[in-house]
């Protein structure tokens, strides 16, 4: 979302790819500087979404990367995580979106249990979550001291939250592959997710290939079909009838500074993988 078009420009860009969903940041993901909501052209963006038959539930907000809910080692980091997430939740509500995705964070110099309990404490300290808003904890790859790379960890967090109705999960295919889940049988993954977290809490899927082998715990995204997961497995995720209603978002890398999304969307819609179409962007 960039000036001068802000939210309208984001919707226009998504439409240019043939997308029926999009993910936005309410400001730069690396810092706390934010433009006032009245500058973001919210009403025009909402009208454009409506004109193309896309409900606002399909505009997903991603929280900034600098929010670290699992850090119990530094109070200033914890305080920033809570206050900034509260602000981002309010901004999500004000632009008319429903879902905000947040990384659970890293425990840094403490340990996994401390990190998980810190996430719980931070989320329970949020003062005001507007009606209809859900905060989605993203599945992580387990890089470094990340928490949330195992479904049981996410279930533990959600089970200990006071306002459970306001929390769900965003499943990232690259992340769970790198965490050790086998995407060649996605129904087995969904069964495990349902038994631990509950399938009703899965609201968004980040559909990405991975540059790493299963279980590498590294988190390096690849373009659809050009990674170790492969096109067929990712198509089966995108088309699985059990999550037909779940919003799917591509977070694949640009190729030679060119967006690959129109090609990836077309290949997924038509179940026809052609690596040359993506590799041609390198020219």
C-alpha atoms as a PDB file:
ATOM      1  CA  UNK A   1       0.000   0.000   0.000  1.00  0.00           C
ATOM      2  CA  UNK A   2       1.862   3.061  -1.258  1.00  0.00           C
ATOM      3  CA  UNK A   3       1.161   6.754  -1.656  1.00  0.00           C
ATOM      4  CA  UNK A   4      -0.534   8.399  -3.428  1.00  0.00           C
ATOM      5  CA  UNK A   5      -3.162   5.709  -4.106  1.00  0.00           C
ATOM      6  CA  UNK A   6      -2.698   3.759  -0.879  1.00  0.00           C
ATOM      7  CA  UNK A   7      -5.472   1.149  -0.431  1.00  0.00           C
ATOM      8  CA  UNK A   8      -7.036   1.814  -3.842  1.00  0.00           C
ATOM      9  CA  UNK A   9      -3.722   1.129  -5.511  1.00  0.00           C
ATOM     10  CA  UNK A  10      -3.423  -2.180  -3.662  1.00  0.00           C
ATOM     11  CA  UNK A  11      -6.852  -3.297  -4.869  1.00  0.00           C
ATOM     12  CA  UNK A  12      -6.070  -2.189  -8.435  1.00  0.00           C
ATOM     13  CA  UNK A  13      -2.808  -4.136  -8.384  1.00  0.00           C
ATOM     14  CA  UNK A  14      -4.527  -7.287  -7.127  1.00  0.00           C
ATOM     15  CA  UNK A  15      -7.194  -7.008  -9.819  1.00  0.00           C
ATOM     16  CA  UNK A  16      -4.507  -6.632 -12.480  1.00  0.00           C
ATOM     17  CA  UNK A  17      -3.253 -10.118 -11.535  1.00  0.00           C
ATOM     18  CA  UNK A  18      -6.716 -11.663 -11.793  1.00  0.00           C
ATOM     19  CA  UNK A  19      -6.810 -12.072  -8.004  1.00  0.00           C
ATOM     20  CA  UNK A  20      -9.961 -12.291  -5.912  1.00  0.00           C
ATOM     21  CA  UNK A  21      -8.137 -11.621  -2.623  1.00  0.00           C
ATOM     22  CA  UNK A  22      -5.221  -9.500  -1.426  1.00  0.00           C
ATOM     23  CA  UNK A  23      -3.002  -8.894   1.564  1.00  0.00           C
ATOM     24  CA  UNK A  24      -1.949  -5.429   2.680  1.00  0.00           C
ATOM     25  CA  UNK A  25       0.091  -3.730   5.374  1.00  0.00           C
ATOM     26  CA  UNK A  26      -1.377  -0.581   6.908  1.00  0.00           C
ATOM     27  CA  UNK A  27       2.098   0.969   6.636  1.00  0.00           C
ATOM     28  CA  UNK A  28       5.699  -0.098   6.145  1.00  0.00           C
ATOM     29  CA  UNK A  29       6.158  -3.527   7.786  1.00  0.00           C
ATOM     30  CA  UNK A  30       9.623  -2.632   9.121  1.00  0.00           C
ATOM     31  CA  UNK A  31       8.731   0.459  11.167  1.00  0.00           C
ATOM     32  CA  UNK A  32       6.009   2.134  13.252  1.00  0.00           C
ATOM     33  CA  UNK A  33       5.374   5.137  10.997  1.00  0.00           C
ATOM     34  CA  UNK A  34       1.756   5.220   9.854  1.00  0.00           C
ATOM     35  CA  UNK A  35      -0.336   7.542   7.678  1.00  0.00           C
ATOM     36  CA  UNK A  36      -3.719   8.576   9.111  1.00  0.00           C
ATOM     37  CA  UNK A  37      -6.605   6.326   8.061  1.00  0.00           C
ATOM     38  CA  UNK A  38      -8.327   9.268   6.342  1.00  0.00           C
ATOM     39  CA  UNK A  39      -5.452   9.396   3.834  1.00  0.00           C
ATOM     40  CA  UNK A  40      -5.728   5.741   2.783  1.00  0.00           C
ATOM     41  CA  UNK A  41      -8.739   6.167   0.429  1.00  0.00           C
ATOM     42  CA  UNK A  42     -10.674   3.489   2.286  1.00  0.00           C
ATOM     43  CA  UNK A  43     -14.111   4.223   0.812  1.00  0.00           C
ATOM     44  CA  UNK A  44     -12.802   4.167  -2.769  1.00  0.00           C
ATOM     45  CA  UNK A  45     -11.034   0.873  -2.104  1.00  0.00           C
ATOM     46  CA  UNK A  46     -14.166  -0.639  -0.584  1.00  0.00           C
ATOM     47  CA  UNK A  47     -16.219   0.517  -3.565  1.00  0.00           C
ATOM     48  CA  UNK A  48     -13.726  -1.026  -6.001  1.00  0.00           C
ATOM     49  CA  UNK A  49     -13.826  -4.310  -4.092  1.00  0.00           C
ATOM     50  CA  UNK A  50     -17.624  -4.273  -4.184  1.00  0.00           C
ATOM     51  CA  UNK A  51     -17.663  -3.414  -7.897  1.00  0.00           C
ATOM     52  CA  UNK A  52     -15.662  -6.581  -8.584  1.00  0.00           C
ATOM     53  CA  UNK A  53     -17.667  -8.766  -6.231  1.00  0.00           C
ATOM     54  CA  UNK A  54     -14.881  -9.198  -3.683  1.00  0.00           C
ATOM     55  CA  UNK A  55     -16.029  -9.030  -0.035  1.00  0.00           C
ATOM     56  CA  UNK A  56     -13.865  -7.116   2.419  1.00  0.00           C
ATOM     57  CA  UNK A  57     -13.200 -10.391   4.275  1.00  0.00           C
ATOM     58  CA  UNK A  58     -10.840 -11.156   1.387  1.00  0.00           C
ATOM     59  CA  UNK A  59      -8.654  -8.139   2.133  1.00  0.00           C
ATOM     60  CA  UNK A  60      -6.181  -9.557   4.648  1.00  0.00           C
ATOM     61  CA  UNK A  61      -4.011  -7.288   6.798  1.00  0.00           C
ATOM     62  CA  UNK A  62      -0.541  -8.432   7.872  1.00  0.00           C
ATOM     63  CA  UNK A  63       0.925  -7.045  11.077  1.00  0.00           C
ATOM     64  CA  UNK A  64       4.447  -5.543  10.954  1.00  0.00           C
ATOM     65  CA  UNK A  65       7.405  -7.880  11.355  1.00  0.00           C
ATOM     66  CA  UNK A  66       8.833  -5.936  14.270  1.00  0.00           C
ATOM     67  CA  UNK A  67       6.030  -7.141  16.567  1.00  0.00           C
ATOM     68  CA  UNK A  68       7.545  -9.922  18.707  1.00  0.00           C
ATOM     69  CA  UNK A  69       4.897 -11.331  21.018  1.00  0.00           C
ATOM     70  CA  UNK A  70       7.158 -14.134  22.323  1.00  0.00           C
ATOM     71  CA  UNK A  71       9.979 -11.938  23.654  1.00  0.00           C
ATOM     72  CA  UNK A  72       9.984 -12.029  27.457  1.00  0.00           C
ATOM     73  CA  UNK A  73      13.614 -10.937  27.743  1.00  0.00           C
ATOM     74  CA  UNK A  74      13.131  -7.231  27.013  1.00  0.00           C
ATOM     75  CA  UNK A  75      10.237  -5.277  28.487  1.00  0.00           C
ATOM     76  CA  UNK A  76      10.506  -2.523  25.876  1.00  0.00           C
ATOM     77  CA  UNK A  77      10.025  -5.111  23.108  1.00  0.00           C
ATOM     78  CA  UNK A  78       7.022  -6.582  24.918  1.00  0.00           C
ATOM     79  CA  UNK A  79       5.466  -3.163  25.441  1.00  0.00           C
ATOM     80  CA  UNK A  80       5.919  -2.283  21.757  1.00  0.00           C
ATOM     81  CA  UNK A  81       4.431  -5.607  20.667  1.00  0.00           C
ATOM     82  CA  UNK A  82       1.229  -5.016  22.619  1.00  0.00           C
ATOM     83  CA  UNK A  83       0.739  -1.325  21.899  1.00  0.00           C
ATOM     84  CA  UNK A  84       1.590  -1.556  18.199  1.00  0.00           C
ATOM     85  CA  UNK A  85      -0.568  -4.651  17.658  1.00  0.00           C
ATOM     86  CA  UNK A  86      -3.476  -2.875  19.369  1.00  0.00           C
ATOM     87  CA  UNK A  87      -3.032   0.033  16.971  1.00  0.00           C
ATOM     88  CA  UNK A  88      -2.857  -2.275  13.933  1.00  0.00           C
ATOM     89  CA  UNK A  89      -5.985  -4.136  15.048  1.00  0.00           C
ATOM     90  CA  UNK A  90      -7.864  -0.849  15.244  1.00  0.00           C
ATOM     91  CA  UNK A  91      -6.603   0.200  11.805  1.00  0.00           C
ATOM     92  CA  UNK A  92      -7.722  -3.168  10.405  1.00  0.00           C
ATOM     93  CA  UNK A  93     -11.208  -2.486  11.756  1.00  0.00           C
ATOM     94  CA  UNK A  94     -11.231   1.069  10.414  1.00  0.00           C
ATOM     95  CA  UNK A  95     -10.417   0.001   6.845  1.00  0.00           C
ATOM     96  CA  UNK A  96     -13.217  -2.565   6.975  1.00  0.00           C
ATOM     97  CA  UNK A  97     -11.094  -5.716   6.941  1.00  0.00           C
ATOM     98  CA  UNK A  98     -11.732  -8.685   9.227  1.00  0.00           C
ATOM     99  CA  UNK A  99      -8.456 -10.599   9.535  1.00  0.00           C
ATOM    100  CA  UNK A 100      -5.014  -9.455  10.693  1.00  0.00           C
ATOM    101  CA  UNK A 101      -2.158 -11.964  10.469  1.00  0.00           C
ATOM    102  CA  UNK A 102       0.646 -11.800  13.041  1.00  0.00           C
ATOM    103  CA  UNK A 103       3.800 -13.853  13.569  1.00  0.00           C
ATOM    104  CA  UNK A 104       3.865 -15.333  17.099  1.00  0.00           C
ATOM    105  CA  UNK A 105       7.481 -14.223  17.408  1.00  0.00           C
ATOM    106  CA  UNK A 106      10.754 -15.569  18.832  1.00  0.00           C
ATOM    107  CA  UNK A 107      11.690 -16.354  22.434  1.00  0.00           C
ATOM    108  CA  UNK A 108      15.276 -15.049  21.862  1.00  0.00           C
ATOM    109  CA  UNK A 109      17.327 -15.735  25.015  1.00  0.00           C
ATOM    110  CA  UNK A 110      14.681 -17.532  27.111  1.00  0.00           C
ATOM    111  CA  UNK A 111      13.106 -20.872  26.081  1.00  0.00           C
ATOM    112  CA  UNK A 112      10.153 -22.256  24.142  1.00  0.00           C
ATOM    113  CA  UNK A 113       7.732 -22.577  27.068  1.00  0.00           C
ATOM    114  CA  UNK A 114       8.530 -19.055  28.241  1.00  0.00           C
ATOM    115  CA  UNK A 115       7.991 -17.789  24.712  1.00  0.00           C
ATOM    116  CA  UNK A 116       4.627 -19.496  24.327  1.00  0.00           C
ATOM    117  CA  UNK A 117       3.402 -18.201  27.671  1.00  0.00           C
ATOM    118  CA  UNK A 118       4.643 -14.721  26.790  1.00  0.00           C
ATOM    119  CA  UNK A 119       2.541 -14.793  23.595  1.00  0.00           C
ATOM    120  CA  UNK A 120      -0.483 -15.735  25.710  1.00  0.00           C
ATOM    121  CA  UNK A 121       0.177 -12.929  28.197  1.00  0.00           C
ATOM    122  CA  UNK A 122       0.644 -10.374  25.428  1.00  0.00           C
ATOM    123  CA  UNK A 123      -2.531 -11.345  23.576  1.00  0.00           C
ATOM    124  CA  UNK A 124      -4.554 -11.450  26.790  1.00  0.00           C
ATOM    125  CA  UNK A 125      -3.364  -7.918  27.579  1.00  0.00           C
ATOM    126  CA  UNK A 126      -4.945  -6.446  24.435  1.00  0.00           C
ATOM    127  CA  UNK A 127      -7.474  -3.953  25.744  1.00  0.00           C
ATOM    128  CA  UNK A 128      -9.973  -3.726  22.908  1.00  0.00           C
ATOM    129  CA  UNK A 129     -10.566  -6.068  19.985  1.00  0.00           C
ATOM    130  CA  UNK A 130     -13.461  -4.775  17.849  1.00  0.00           C
ATOM    131  CA  UNK A 131     -16.384  -7.057  17.059  1.00  0.00           C
ATOM    132  CA  UNK A 132     -15.813  -9.133  13.943  1.00  0.00           C
ATOM    133  CA  UNK A 133     -12.013  -8.847  14.002  1.00  0.00           C
ATOM    134  CA  UNK A 134      -9.886 -11.985  14.169  1.00  0.00           C
ATOM    135  CA  UNK A 135      -6.162 -12.021  14.917  1.00  0.00           C
ATOM    136  CA  UNK A 136      -4.599 -14.912  13.002  1.00  0.00           C
ATOM    137  CA  UNK A 137      -1.429 -16.514  14.345  1.00  0.00           C
ATOM    138  CA  UNK A 138       0.743 -17.593  11.450  1.00  0.00           C
ATOM    139  CA  UNK A 139       2.328 -21.040  11.333  1.00  0.00           C
ATOM    140  CA  UNK A 140       6.102 -20.591  11.400  1.00  0.00           C
ATOM    141  CA  UNK A 141       9.083 -22.504  10.018  1.00  0.00           C
ATOM    142  CA  UNK A 142      10.892 -22.895  13.352  1.00  0.00           C
ATOM    143  CA  UNK A 143      13.893 -20.812  12.309  1.00  0.00           C
ATOM    144  CA  UNK A 144      16.114 -19.825  15.216  1.00  0.00           C
ATOM    145  CA  UNK A 145      13.976 -19.379  18.331  1.00  0.00           C
ATOM    146  CA  UNK A 146      10.631 -18.957  16.529  1.00  0.00           C
ATOM    147  CA  UNK A 147       7.524 -20.257  18.244  1.00  0.00           C
ATOM    148  CA  UNK A 148       4.387 -21.491  16.500  1.00  0.00           C
ATOM    149  CA  UNK A 149       6.005 -23.997  14.124  1.00  0.00           C
ATOM    150  CA  UNK A 150       3.943 -26.864  15.498  1.00  0.00           C
ATOM    151  CA  UNK A 151       0.130 -27.030  15.494  1.00  0.00           C
ATOM    152  CA  UNK A 152       0.183 -28.111  19.137  1.00  0.00           C
ATOM    153  CA  UNK A 153       1.982 -24.871  20.063  1.00  0.00           C
ATOM    154  CA  UNK A 154      -0.697 -22.769  18.369  1.00  0.00           C
ATOM    155  CA  UNK A 155      -3.416 -24.834  20.053  1.00  0.00           C
ATOM    156  CA  UNK A 156      -1.745 -24.253  23.429  1.00  0.00           C
ATOM    157  CA  UNK A 157      -1.715 -20.501  22.868  1.00  0.00           C
ATOM    158  CA  UNK A 158      -5.336 -20.290  21.722  1.00  0.00           C
ATOM    159  CA  UNK A 159      -6.566 -22.593  24.505  1.00  0.00           C
ATOM    160  CA  UNK A 160      -5.201 -20.137  27.070  1.00  0.00           C
ATOM    161  CA  UNK A 161      -6.639 -16.955  25.553  1.00  0.00           C
ATOM    162  CA  UNK A 162      -9.481 -15.105  27.252  1.00  0.00           C
ATOM    163  CA  UNK A 163     -11.192 -14.001  24.026  1.00  0.00           C
ATOM    164  CA  UNK A 164     -10.853 -17.142  21.919  1.00  0.00           C
ATOM    165  CA  UNK A 165     -13.519 -16.003  19.463  1.00  0.00           C
ATOM    166  CA  UNK A 166     -11.138 -13.300  18.235  1.00  0.00           C
ATOM    167  CA  UNK A 167      -8.288 -15.655  17.333  1.00  0.00           C
ATOM    168  CA  UNK A 168      -7.535 -18.046  14.502  1.00  0.00           C
ATOM    169  CA  UNK A 169      -4.683 -19.322  12.350  1.00  0.00           C
ATOM    170  CA  UNK A 170      -3.028 -18.479   9.037  1.00  0.00           C
ATOM    171  CA  UNK A 171      -1.333 -21.552   7.567  1.00  0.00           C
ATOM    172  CA  UNK A 172       1.773 -20.891   5.469  1.00  0.00           C
ATOM    173  CA  UNK A 173       2.717 -23.803   3.193  1.00  0.00           C
ATOM    174  CA  UNK A 174       6.401 -22.869   2.954  1.00  0.00           C
ATOM    175  CA  UNK A 175       6.611 -22.520   6.723  1.00  0.00           C
ATOM    176  CA  UNK A 176       4.950 -25.830   7.570  1.00  0.00           C
ATOM    177  CA  UNK A 177       7.065 -27.621   4.959  1.00  0.00           C
ATOM    178  CA  UNK A 178      10.200 -26.189   6.534  1.00  0.00           C
ATOM    179  CA  UNK A 179       8.828 -27.120   9.967  1.00  0.00           C
ATOM    180  CA  UNK A 180       8.550 -30.761   8.885  1.00  0.00           C
ATOM    181  CA  UNK A 181       4.973 -31.269   7.658  1.00  0.00           C
ATOM    182  CA  UNK A 182       4.552 -33.363   4.497  1.00  0.00           C
ATOM    183  CA  UNK A 183       2.423 -31.434   2.005  1.00  0.00           C
ATOM    184  CA  UNK A 184       2.163 -34.431  -0.327  1.00  0.00           C
ATOM    185  CA  UNK A 185      -0.895 -35.498   1.682  1.00  0.00           C
ATOM    186  CA  UNK A 186      -2.619 -32.312   2.689  1.00  0.00           C
ATOM    187  CA  UNK A 187      -5.676 -34.087   4.078  1.00  0.00           C
ATOM    188  CA  UNK A 188      -3.480 -35.708   6.730  1.00  0.00           C
ATOM    189  CA  UNK A 189      -2.261 -32.224   7.668  1.00  0.00           C
ATOM    190  CA  UNK A 190      -5.831 -30.942   7.831  1.00  0.00           C
ATOM    191  CA  UNK A 191      -6.808 -33.893  10.024  1.00  0.00           C
ATOM    192  CA  UNK A 192      -3.995 -33.110  12.462  1.00  0.00           C
ATOM    193  CA  UNK A 193      -4.845 -29.410  12.403  1.00  0.00           C
ATOM    194  CA  UNK A 194      -8.499 -30.188  13.111  1.00  0.00           C
ATOM    195  CA  UNK A 195      -7.630 -32.492  16.008  1.00  0.00           C
ATOM    196  CA  UNK A 196      -5.300 -29.975  17.644  1.00  0.00           C
ATOM    197  CA  UNK A 197      -6.394 -26.438  16.751  1.00  0.00           C
ATOM    198  CA  UNK A 198      -9.790 -26.958  15.087  1.00  0.00           C
ATOM    199  CA  UNK A 199     -10.392 -26.501  11.369  1.00  0.00           C
ATOM    200  CA  UNK A 200     -12.901 -23.725  12.053  1.00  0.00           C
ATOM    201  CA  UNK A 201      -9.986 -21.534  13.168  1.00  0.00           C
ATOM    202  CA  UNK A 202      -8.179 -21.788   9.827  1.00  0.00           C
ATOM    203  CA  UNK A 203      -9.114 -18.558   8.033  1.00  0.00           C
ATOM    204  CA  UNK A 204      -6.192 -17.793   5.666  1.00  0.00           C
ATOM    205  CA  UNK A 205      -3.618 -19.854   3.745  1.00  0.00           C
ATOM    206  CA  UNK A 206      -0.348 -18.380   2.505  1.00  0.00           C
ATOM    207  CA  UNK A 207       0.302 -20.468  -0.610  1.00  0.00           C
ATOM    208  CA  UNK A 208       4.046 -20.591  -1.219  1.00  0.00           C
ATOM    209  CA  UNK A 209       6.598 -23.062  -2.483  1.00  0.00           C
ATOM    210  CA  UNK A 210       9.840 -23.530  -0.535  1.00  0.00           C
ATOM    211  CA  UNK A 211      13.507 -23.402  -1.464  1.00  0.00           C
ATOM    212  CA  UNK A 212      14.237 -25.846   1.357  1.00  0.00           C
ATOM    213  CA  UNK A 213      13.723 -29.535   1.967  1.00  0.00           C
ATOM    214  CA  UNK A 214      11.011 -30.610   4.398  1.00  0.00           C
ATOM    215  CA  UNK A 215      12.112 -30.029   7.991  1.00  0.00           C
ATOM    216  CA  UNK A 216      14.955 -27.611   7.172  1.00  0.00           C
ATOM    217  CA  UNK A 217      13.498 -24.924   9.493  1.00  0.00           C
ATOM    218  CA  UNK A 218      14.861 -22.101   7.334  1.00  0.00           C
ATOM    219  CA  UNK A 219      11.899 -20.197   5.781  1.00  0.00           C
ATOM    220  CA  UNK A 220      12.838 -19.300   2.200  1.00  0.00           C
ATOM    221  CA  UNK A 221       9.867 -18.874  -0.125  1.00  0.00           C
ATOM    222  CA  UNK A 222       9.930 -20.043  -3.750  1.00  0.00           C
ATOM    223  CA  UNK A 223       7.598 -19.496  -6.678  1.00  0.00           C
ATOM    224  CA  UNK A 224       4.766 -21.950  -7.220  1.00  0.00           C
ATOM    225  CA  UNK A 225       6.178 -25.135  -8.751  1.00  0.00           C
ATOM    226  CA  UNK A 226       9.808 -23.992  -8.617  1.00  0.00           C
ATOM    227  CA  UNK A 227      10.512 -25.258  -5.109  1.00  0.00           C
ATOM    228  CA  UNK A 228      10.696 -28.490  -3.171  1.00  0.00           C
ATOM    229  CA  UNK A 229       6.944 -28.703  -2.473  1.00  0.00           C
ATOM    230  CA  UNK A 230       6.003 -28.657  -6.146  1.00  0.00           C
ATOM    231  CA  UNK A 231       3.031 -27.561  -8.196  1.00  0.00           C
ATOM    232  CA  UNK A 232       0.840 -30.629  -7.729  1.00  0.00           C
ATOM    233  CA  UNK A 233       0.967 -30.513  -3.935  1.00  0.00           C
ATOM    234  CA  UNK A 234       0.264 -26.772  -3.871  1.00  0.00           C
ATOM    235  CA  UNK A 235      -2.579 -27.142  -6.369  1.00  0.00           C
ATOM    236  CA  UNK A 236      -4.072 -29.775  -4.077  1.00  0.00           C
ATOM    237  CA  UNK A 237      -3.889 -27.307  -1.194  1.00  0.00           C
ATOM    238  CA  UNK A 238      -5.506 -24.535  -3.236  1.00  0.00           C
ATOM    239  CA  UNK A 239      -8.301 -26.789  -4.509  1.00  0.00           C
ATOM    240  CA  UNK A 240      -8.983 -28.851  -1.384  1.00  0.00           C
ATOM    241  CA  UNK A 241     -12.775 -28.781  -0.834  1.00  0.00           C
ATOM    242  CA  UNK A 242     -12.409 -28.838   2.951  1.00  0.00           C
ATOM    243  CA  UNK A 243     -10.915 -25.328   2.860  1.00  0.00           C
ATOM    244  CA  UNK A 244     -12.660 -24.006  -0.240  1.00  0.00           C
ATOM    245  CA  UNK A 245     -13.942 -21.021   1.760  1.00  0.00           C
ATOM    246  CA  UNK A 246     -10.505 -20.136   3.176  1.00  0.00           C
ATOM    247  CA  UNK A 247      -8.746 -17.144   1.607  1.00  0.00           C
ATOM    248  CA  UNK A 248      -5.521 -18.059  -0.212  1.00  0.00           C
ATOM    249  CA  UNK A 249      -2.729 -15.505  -0.541  1.00  0.00           C
ATOM    250  CA  UNK A 250       0.461 -15.794  -2.598  1.00  0.00           C
ATOM    251  CA  UNK A 251       3.664 -14.576  -0.920  1.00  0.00           C
ATOM    252  CA  UNK A 252       6.032 -15.800  -3.611  1.00  0.00           C
ATOM    253  CA  UNK A 253       9.133 -13.779  -4.577  1.00  0.00           C
ATOM    254  CA  UNK A 254       9.406 -11.373  -7.471  1.00  0.00           C
ATOM    255  CA  UNK A 255      11.442 -12.641 -10.422  1.00  0.00           C
ATOM    256  CA  UNK A 256      13.858 -10.081 -11.850  1.00  0.00           C
ATOM    257  CA  UNK A 257      11.843  -7.385 -10.045  1.00  0.00           C
ATOM    258  CA  UNK A 258       8.664  -8.571 -11.816  1.00  0.00           C
ATOM    259  CA  UNK A 259       5.513  -9.775 -10.066  1.00  0.00           C
ATOM    260  CA  UNK A 260       4.771 -13.455 -10.846  1.00  0.00           C
ATOM    261  CA  UNK A 261       1.249 -13.488  -9.431  1.00  0.00           C
ATOM    262  CA  UNK A 262      -0.816 -13.294 -12.633  1.00  0.00           C
ATOM    263  CA  UNK A 263       1.046 -16.319 -14.015  1.00  0.00           C
ATOM    264  CA  UNK A 264       0.834 -18.287 -10.772  1.00  0.00           C
ATOM    265  CA  UNK A 265      -2.881 -17.571 -10.362  1.00  0.00           C
ATOM    266  CA  UNK A 266      -3.581 -18.589 -13.956  1.00  0.00           C
ATOM    267  CA  UNK A 267      -1.630 -21.844 -13.589  1.00  0.00           C
ATOM    268  CA  UNK A 268      -3.464 -22.730 -10.373  1.00  0.00           C
ATOM    269  CA  UNK A 269      -6.869 -21.884 -11.811  1.00  0.00           C
ATOM    270  CA  UNK A 270      -6.249 -24.021 -14.893  1.00  0.00           C
ATOM    271  CA  UNK A 271      -4.164 -26.769 -13.222  1.00  0.00           C
ATOM    272  CA  UNK A 272      -1.449 -26.313 -15.819  1.00  0.00           C
ATOM    273  CA  UNK A 273       2.093 -25.825 -14.629  1.00  0.00           C
ATOM    274  CA  UNK A 274       4.563 -24.364 -17.095  1.00  0.00           C
ATOM    275  CA  UNK A 275       7.868 -23.384 -15.518  1.00  0.00           C
ATOM    276  CA  UNK A 276       8.929 -21.553 -18.679  1.00  0.00           C
ATOM    277  CA  UNK A 277       6.269 -18.900 -18.083  1.00  0.00           C
ATOM    278  CA  UNK A 278       7.839 -17.999 -14.752  1.00  0.00           C
ATOM    279  CA  UNK A 279      11.419 -18.375 -15.938  1.00  0.00           C
ATOM    280  CA  UNK A 280      10.667 -16.040 -18.853  1.00  0.00           C
ATOM    281  CA  UNK A 281      10.375 -13.243 -16.277  1.00  0.00           C
ATOM    282  CA  UNK A 282      14.126 -13.539 -15.788  1.00  0.00           C
ATOM    283  CA  UNK A 283      14.669 -12.142 -19.283  1.00  0.00           C
END
